[in-house]
Every structure is written in structure tokens, then in C-alpha cells.
N, C-alpha and C. Protein backbone atom coordinates (compact mmCIF):
# COMPACT_ATOMS: atom_id res chain seq x y z
N VAL A 1 -194.11 124.33 -72.36
CA VAL A 1 -193.71 125.74 -73.02
C VAL A 1 -194.68 126.72 -73.77
N GLN A 2 -194.92 127.68 -73.69
CA GLN A 2 -195.19 128.94 -73.97
C GLN A 2 -194.41 130.01 -73.92
N LEU A 3 -194.79 130.46 -75.01
CA LEU A 3 -194.27 131.95 -75.18
C LEU A 3 -195.16 133.12 -75.43
N GLN A 4 -195.04 134.20 -75.10
CA GLN A 4 -195.85 135.05 -75.54
C GLN A 4 -195.14 136.20 -75.54
N ALA A 5 -195.68 137.25 -76.74
CA ALA A 5 -195.12 138.50 -77.17
C ALA A 5 -196.59 139.44 -76.31
N SER A 6 -196.42 140.26 -75.77
CA SER A 6 -196.98 141.28 -75.05
C SER A 6 -196.44 143.11 -75.67
N GLY A 7 -196.96 144.21 -75.41
CA GLY A 7 -196.44 145.66 -75.76
C GLY A 7 -196.63 146.05 -77.03
N GLY A 8 -197.55 145.36 -78.10
CA GLY A 8 -198.31 146.00 -79.12
C GLY A 8 -198.62 146.98 -79.17
N GLY A 9 -199.52 147.92 -79.92
CA GLY A 9 -200.47 149.08 -79.77
C GLY A 9 -200.68 149.39 -81.12
N LEU A 10 -201.27 150.83 -80.93
CA LEU A 10 -201.24 151.57 -81.85
C LEU A 10 -200.44 153.27 -81.48
N VAL A 11 -199.41 153.35 -82.95
CA VAL A 11 -198.81 154.71 -82.81
C VAL A 11 -198.94 155.48 -83.89
N GLN A 12 -198.51 156.39 -83.74
CA GLN A 12 -198.41 157.07 -84.70
C GLN A 12 -196.78 156.70 -85.32
N PRO A 13 -196.82 157.02 -86.63
CA PRO A 13 -195.87 157.22 -87.75
C PRO A 13 -194.55 158.05 -87.08
N GLY A 14 -193.53 157.30 -86.67
CA GLY A 14 -192.61 158.07 -86.05
C GLY A 14 -192.20 157.74 -84.39
N GLY A 15 -193.40 157.05 -84.13
CA GLY A 15 -193.60 156.47 -82.82
C GLY A 15 -192.76 155.26 -82.13
N SER A 16 -192.75 155.06 -81.04
CA SER A 16 -191.73 153.99 -80.41
C SER A 16 -193.12 152.89 -79.47
N LEU A 17 -192.50 151.98 -79.91
CA LEU A 17 -193.35 150.68 -78.98
C LEU A 17 -192.04 149.95 -78.61
N ARG A 18 -192.43 149.49 -77.14
CA ARG A 18 -191.18 148.27 -76.68
C ARG A 18 -192.12 146.68 -76.43
N LEU A 19 -191.41 145.79 -77.48
CA LEU A 19 -192.62 144.50 -77.50
C LEU A 19 -191.58 143.71 -76.13
N SER A 20 -191.91 142.51 -75.46
CA SER A 20 -191.47 141.99 -74.60
C SER A 20 -192.16 140.44 -74.61
N CYS A 21 -191.03 139.63 -74.38
CA CYS A 21 -190.97 138.18 -74.39
C CYS A 21 -190.97 137.40 -73.45
N THR A 22 -192.05 136.62 -73.06
CA THR A 22 -191.92 136.01 -71.87
C THR A 22 -191.89 134.19 -72.05
N ALA A 23 -191.27 133.89 -71.45
CA ALA A 23 -191.63 132.03 -71.65
C ALA A 23 -192.45 131.10 -70.54
N SER A 24 -192.97 130.06 -70.72
CA SER A 24 -192.81 129.14 -69.60
C SER A 24 -192.96 128.12 -69.55
N GLY A 25 -192.33 127.28 -69.04
CA GLY A 25 -191.60 126.08 -69.41
C GLY A 25 -190.36 125.63 -69.74
N LEU A 26 -189.67 127.03 -70.14
CA LEU A 26 -187.96 126.78 -70.27
C LEU A 26 -187.65 128.85 -70.40
N SER A 27 -186.04 128.89 -70.24
CA SER A 27 -185.27 129.86 -69.80
C SER A 27 -185.10 130.40 -71.32
N LEU A 28 -185.59 131.42 -71.63
CA LEU A 28 -185.18 132.32 -72.43
C LEU A 28 -184.03 132.41 -72.74
N ALA A 29 -183.23 132.81 -71.52
CA ALA A 29 -181.91 132.77 -71.44
C ALA A 29 -180.80 131.79 -72.01
N TYR A 30 -181.44 130.46 -72.19
CA TYR A 30 -180.39 129.59 -72.71
C TYR A 30 -181.01 128.70 -74.20
N TYR A 31 -181.82 129.85 -74.79
CA TYR A 31 -182.04 129.79 -76.38
C TYR A 31 -182.16 131.19 -77.21
N ASN A 32 -181.52 130.58 -78.80
CA ASN A 32 -181.60 132.18 -78.95
C ASN A 32 -183.12 132.06 -79.34
N VAL A 33 -183.07 133.76 -79.60
CA VAL A 33 -184.87 134.23 -79.37
C VAL A 33 -184.59 134.70 -81.09
N GLY A 34 -186.19 135.06 -81.69
CA GLY A 34 -186.11 135.67 -82.73
C GLY A 34 -187.59 136.53 -82.54
N TRP A 35 -187.30 137.73 -83.16
CA TRP A 35 -188.99 138.14 -83.40
C TRP A 35 -189.30 137.92 -84.98
N PHE A 36 -190.69 137.88 -84.93
CA PHE A 36 -190.89 137.90 -86.33
C PHE A 36 -192.36 138.39 -86.68
N ARG A 37 -192.76 138.19 -88.02
CA ARG A 37 -193.50 139.54 -88.19
C ARG A 37 -194.50 139.30 -88.75
N GLN A 38 -195.72 139.45 -89.24
CA GLN A 38 -196.33 138.89 -90.40
C GLN A 38 -197.51 140.02 -90.53
N ALA A 39 -197.70 140.53 -91.79
CA ALA A 39 -198.75 141.87 -92.23
C ALA A 39 -199.60 140.64 -92.76
N PRO A 40 -201.10 141.18 -92.96
CA PRO A 40 -201.95 140.73 -93.99
C PRO A 40 -201.27 140.98 -95.07
N GLY A 41 -201.84 139.36 -95.85
CA GLY A 41 -201.76 139.26 -97.48
C GLY A 41 -200.09 139.20 -97.27
N LYS A 42 -199.01 139.71 -96.38
CA LYS A 42 -198.06 139.11 -96.44
C LYS A 42 -197.39 137.42 -96.01
N GLU A 43 -196.02 137.04 -96.37
CA GLU A 43 -195.30 136.18 -96.10
C GLU A 43 -194.55 136.54 -94.34
N ARG A 44 -194.27 135.51 -93.59
CA ARG A 44 -193.41 135.73 -92.50
C ARG A 44 -192.46 136.50 -92.76
N GLU A 45 -191.86 137.11 -92.02
CA GLU A 45 -190.15 137.74 -92.02
C GLU A 45 -189.55 137.80 -90.70
N GLY A 46 -188.56 137.50 -90.57
CA GLY A 46 -187.54 137.94 -89.52
C GLY A 46 -187.30 139.31 -89.41
N VAL A 47 -187.56 139.30 -88.43
CA VAL A 47 -187.04 140.87 -87.21
C VAL A 47 -185.54 141.18 -86.94
N SER A 48 -185.47 140.32 -86.13
CA SER A 48 -184.36 140.31 -85.31
C SER A 48 -184.21 139.14 -85.07
N CYS A 49 -182.61 138.68 -84.54
CA CYS A 49 -182.79 137.47 -83.92
C CYS A 49 -181.28 137.55 -83.22
N SER A 50 -181.18 136.69 -81.85
CA SER A 50 -179.89 136.81 -81.16
C SER A 50 -179.79 135.45 -80.54
N SER A 51 -178.25 135.47 -80.47
CA SER A 51 -177.34 134.07 -80.25
C SER A 51 -177.65 134.23 -78.79
N TYR A 52 -178.08 133.29 -77.67
CA TYR A 52 -177.90 133.20 -76.41
C TYR A 52 -176.43 133.31 -76.26
N SER A 53 -175.87 132.51 -76.53
CA SER A 53 -174.20 132.23 -76.74
C SER A 53 -173.20 133.44 -76.03
N ASP A 54 -173.25 134.10 -77.34
CA ASP A 54 -172.43 135.34 -77.11
C ASP A 54 -173.11 136.66 -77.49
N GLY A 55 -174.38 136.69 -77.85
CA GLY A 55 -175.05 137.60 -78.30
C GLY A 55 -175.50 138.40 -79.25
N THR A 56 -174.55 137.79 -80.45
CA THR A 56 -174.88 138.06 -81.56
C THR A 56 -176.13 138.57 -82.07
N THR A 57 -176.26 138.99 -82.75
CA THR A 57 -177.85 140.05 -82.64
C THR A 57 -178.17 140.23 -84.22
N TYR A 58 -178.60 139.48 -85.19
CA TYR A 58 -178.93 140.27 -86.10
C TYR A 58 -180.28 141.03 -87.11
N TYR A 59 -180.44 141.52 -87.52
CA TYR A 59 -181.60 142.51 -87.95
C TYR A 59 -182.06 142.31 -89.54
N GLU A 60 -182.96 142.43 -89.54
CA GLU A 60 -183.78 142.93 -90.91
C GLU A 60 -183.14 143.95 -91.74
N ASP A 61 -183.06 143.68 -92.91
CA ASP A 61 -182.41 145.62 -93.54
C ASP A 61 -183.19 146.84 -93.30
N SER A 62 -184.65 146.56 -92.76
CA SER A 62 -185.27 147.90 -93.17
C SER A 62 -185.38 148.25 -91.86
N VAL A 63 -185.37 147.22 -90.69
CA VAL A 63 -185.29 148.13 -89.38
C VAL A 63 -183.96 148.17 -88.64
N LYS A 64 -183.37 147.96 -89.13
CA LYS A 64 -181.42 148.53 -88.87
C LYS A 64 -181.61 149.62 -88.23
N GLY A 65 -181.27 150.16 -87.35
CA GLY A 65 -180.91 151.75 -86.67
C GLY A 65 -181.68 152.08 -85.88
N ARG A 66 -183.37 151.05 -85.94
CA ARG A 66 -184.56 151.64 -85.80
C ARG A 66 -185.07 150.76 -84.75
N PHE A 67 -184.70 149.07 -84.62
CA PHE A 67 -185.25 148.01 -84.05
C PHE A 67 -183.78 147.65 -82.79
N THR A 68 -184.30 147.78 -81.70
CA THR A 68 -182.98 147.22 -80.75
C THR A 68 -183.45 145.63 -80.27
N PHE A 69 -182.42 145.00 -80.30
CA PHE A 69 -182.78 143.43 -79.76
C PHE A 69 -182.15 143.73 -78.20
N SER A 70 -183.04 143.37 -77.17
CA SER A 70 -182.59 142.95 -75.92
C SER A 70 -182.84 141.96 -74.95
N ARG A 71 -182.05 141.24 -73.80
CA ARG A 71 -182.21 140.51 -72.89
C ARG A 71 -181.96 140.34 -71.99
N ASP A 72 -182.90 140.55 -71.03
CA ASP A 72 -182.70 139.96 -69.39
C ASP A 72 -182.59 138.48 -69.07
N LYS A 73 -181.67 137.60 -68.87
CA LYS A 73 -181.32 136.39 -68.90
C LYS A 73 -181.93 136.43 -67.51
N ALA A 74 -181.90 137.21 -66.58
CA ALA A 74 -182.55 136.72 -65.35
C ALA A 74 -183.86 136.79 -65.12
N LYS A 75 -184.43 137.57 -66.10
CA LYS A 75 -185.94 137.65 -66.09
C LYS A 75 -186.49 136.58 -67.09
N SER A 76 -185.89 136.26 -68.00
CA SER A 76 -185.78 134.84 -68.78
C SER A 76 -186.90 136.03 -70.10
N THR A 77 -186.64 136.96 -70.45
CA THR A 77 -187.46 138.15 -71.14
C THR A 77 -186.52 138.48 -72.03
N VAL A 78 -187.32 138.61 -73.37
CA VAL A 78 -186.43 139.49 -74.44
C VAL A 78 -187.09 140.60 -74.66
N PHE A 79 -186.60 141.76 -75.54
CA PHE A 79 -187.55 142.98 -75.95
C PHE A 79 -187.28 143.15 -77.16
N LEU A 80 -187.96 143.75 -77.74
CA LEU A 80 -187.77 144.74 -78.97
C LEU A 80 -187.89 146.03 -79.05
N GLN A 81 -187.24 146.55 -79.30
CA GLN A 81 -187.53 148.01 -78.86
C GLN A 81 -187.63 148.61 -80.45
N MET A 82 -188.51 149.41 -80.40
CA MET A 82 -189.22 149.76 -82.17
C MET A 82 -188.93 151.36 -81.64
N ASN A 83 -188.68 151.82 -82.37
CA ASN A 83 -188.27 153.46 -82.92
C ASN A 83 -188.40 153.79 -84.25
N ASP A 84 -189.09 154.81 -84.46
CA ASP A 84 -189.32 155.42 -85.44
C ASP A 84 -190.31 154.61 -86.50
N LEU A 85 -191.03 154.21 -86.08
CA LEU A 85 -192.31 153.04 -86.35
C LEU A 85 -192.64 153.74 -87.81
N LYS A 86 -192.44 152.83 -88.76
CA LYS A 86 -193.04 153.20 -90.07
C LYS A 86 -194.17 152.48 -90.87
N PRO A 87 -194.89 153.22 -91.64
CA PRO A 87 -195.98 152.43 -92.24
C PRO A 87 -195.87 150.87 -92.81
N ASP A 88 -195.58 150.51 -92.87
CA ASP A 88 -194.55 149.16 -93.37
C ASP A 88 -194.47 148.25 -92.39
N ASP A 89 -194.60 148.86 -91.04
CA ASP A 89 -193.85 147.84 -89.63
C ASP A 89 -195.20 147.19 -89.42
N PRO A 90 -196.54 147.82 -89.55
CA PRO A 90 -197.87 147.27 -89.14
C PRO A 90 -197.98 145.71 -89.00
N ALA A 91 -198.14 144.86 -88.47
CA ALA A 91 -198.28 143.55 -88.41
C ALA A 91 -198.16 142.75 -86.50
N VAL A 92 -198.60 141.58 -86.88
CA VAL A 92 -198.54 140.59 -86.00
C VAL A 92 -196.89 140.28 -85.37
N TYR A 93 -196.74 140.53 -84.40
CA TYR A 93 -195.39 140.36 -83.85
C TYR A 93 -195.04 139.15 -83.49
N TYR A 94 -194.20 138.02 -83.35
CA TYR A 94 -194.23 137.21 -82.46
C TYR A 94 -192.41 137.13 -82.17
N CYS A 95 -192.52 136.23 -80.88
CA CYS A 95 -190.88 135.69 -80.59
C CYS A 95 -191.48 134.13 -80.91
N ALA A 96 -190.02 133.64 -80.84
CA ALA A 96 -190.08 132.35 -81.14
C ALA A 96 -188.54 131.88 -80.54
N THR A 97 -188.36 130.54 -80.38
CA THR A 97 -186.97 130.16 -80.36
C THR A 97 -186.43 129.93 -81.60
N ALA A 98 -185.44 129.86 -82.20
CA ALA A 98 -184.95 130.30 -83.39
C ALA A 98 -183.67 129.73 -84.01
N PHE A 99 -183.50 129.92 -85.52
CA PHE A 99 -181.97 129.80 -85.56
C PHE A 99 -181.08 130.94 -86.04
N CYS A 100 -180.43 131.32 -85.43
CA CYS A 100 -179.79 132.94 -85.91
C CYS A 100 -178.55 132.87 -86.83
N THR A 101 -178.77 133.32 -87.95
CA THR A 101 -177.41 133.24 -88.51
C THR A 101 -177.26 134.21 -89.52
N PHE A 102 -175.97 134.54 -89.90
CA PHE A 102 -175.85 135.65 -91.11
C PHE A 102 -176.44 135.95 -92.04
N ASN A 103 -176.76 134.23 -92.62
CA ASN A 103 -177.15 134.26 -93.74
C ASN A 103 -178.67 134.03 -93.80
N GLY A 104 -179.65 134.47 -92.44
CA GLY A 104 -180.79 134.25 -92.42
C GLY A 104 -181.21 133.81 -90.81
N MET A 105 -182.80 134.05 -90.59
CA MET A 105 -183.04 133.64 -89.26
C MET A 105 -184.87 132.97 -89.67
N GLY A 106 -184.80 132.32 -88.60
CA GLY A 106 -186.42 131.47 -88.65
C GLY A 106 -186.28 130.75 -87.50
N PRO A 107 -187.78 130.69 -87.03
CA PRO A 107 -188.39 129.79 -85.92
C PRO A 107 -187.43 128.84 -85.94
N ARG A 108 -187.57 128.30 -85.03
CA ARG A 108 -187.55 126.63 -84.58
C ARG A 108 -187.86 126.47 -83.07
N GLY A 109 -188.55 125.70 -83.01
CA GLY A 109 -188.47 124.75 -81.51
C GLY A 109 -190.56 125.96 -81.41
N TYR A 110 -190.62 126.63 -80.52
CA TYR A 110 -191.21 127.27 -79.34
C TYR A 110 -191.85 128.73 -80.01
N TRP A 111 -192.93 128.88 -80.23
CA TRP A 111 -193.30 130.43 -80.05
C TRP A 111 -195.19 129.84 -80.38
N GLY A 112 -195.23 131.44 -79.73
CA GLY A 112 -196.73 131.39 -79.56
C GLY A 112 -197.72 132.49 -80.08
N GLN A 113 -198.42 133.51 -79.41
CA GLN A 113 -199.55 134.26 -79.74
C GLN A 113 -198.65 135.62 -80.14
N GLY A 114 -198.80 136.30 -81.19
CA GLY A 114 -198.07 137.42 -80.74
C GLY A 114 -198.96 138.76 -80.80
N THR A 115 -198.43 139.50 -80.83
CA THR A 115 -198.79 141.29 -80.33
C THR A 115 -198.82 142.17 -82.15
N GLN A 116 -200.19 142.39 -81.69
CA GLN A 116 -200.86 143.46 -83.29
C GLN A 116 -199.57 144.77 -82.85
N VAL A 117 -199.33 145.46 -84.19
CA VAL A 117 -198.55 146.66 -83.75
C VAL A 117 -199.41 147.57 -84.99
N THR A 118 -199.69 148.35 -84.34
CA THR A 118 -200.80 149.23 -85.71
C THR A 118 -199.74 150.62 -86.06
N VAL A 119 -199.69 151.45 -86.82
CA VAL A 119 -199.22 151.98 -86.83
C VAL A 119 -199.74 153.07 -88.23
N SER A 120 -200.89 154.48 -87.48
CA SER A 120 -201.28 155.32 -87.92
C SER A 120 -201.26 156.69 -87.54
N SER A 121 -201.40 157.78 -88.35
CA SER A 121 -201.84 159.37 -87.89
C SER A 121 -203.43 158.76 -87.62
């Protein structure tokens, strides 16, 4: 099983990116999936997480209103639309199968290589 995040890049502050996460060896349609990020010198943090069963989606406070999680079950792909990117957003972003609760989110099971997001003018 392997997950792969893609879609990162360099954008100016206020810009947008859309990250994609695909998986081989399993269908993301049947897993809770989370997006996580880690910047140099910082701990990994959860960004967004969504339940496969009822679609309940959680967001880290700093990205609420700017980031949107979505899922294409037919294509076993999940997305993270990131708008109004800020200087605090740069990191390597990973997708992973996860636990998603109101009280927190975290990777559980499978994850793979991430994609770099850079915000700079």
C-alpha cells in the first residue's frame, strides 16, 4: 500500500494550490483520510481530516475558511484546496489514513511521500 501526495509548489502569499492524494493497494473511499504537514524545525500537525462514512470533516484552526477537503470516491482520490496561502503554511504536506475526531486527528495506518508547499513573494 502506498499513498502519494502531489500538487505542491511555489505560490505567492494569497495564492492557491490544490493538493491531491492517491493510493495504490487500497481504496481511499473506505478510509478516513487526513492531511498533515511538517515544516522544518516544527512538529507535524494535522491540517484536515475527513470521515469516509459520513463525510464529517475537521480542520485545524489556522486553516479554517481557507482550506477545503474533498473526496472523489469513484477515483479513490482526496484533495485539499488551499486558498489564501500565508507565510505560516509552507511545509511538506502528507496524506495518510487517519483517525478523525472532534478532539483531534492523527495518522493511522498508511501514508507516504509528501509534497512541498512554499509560499513566498
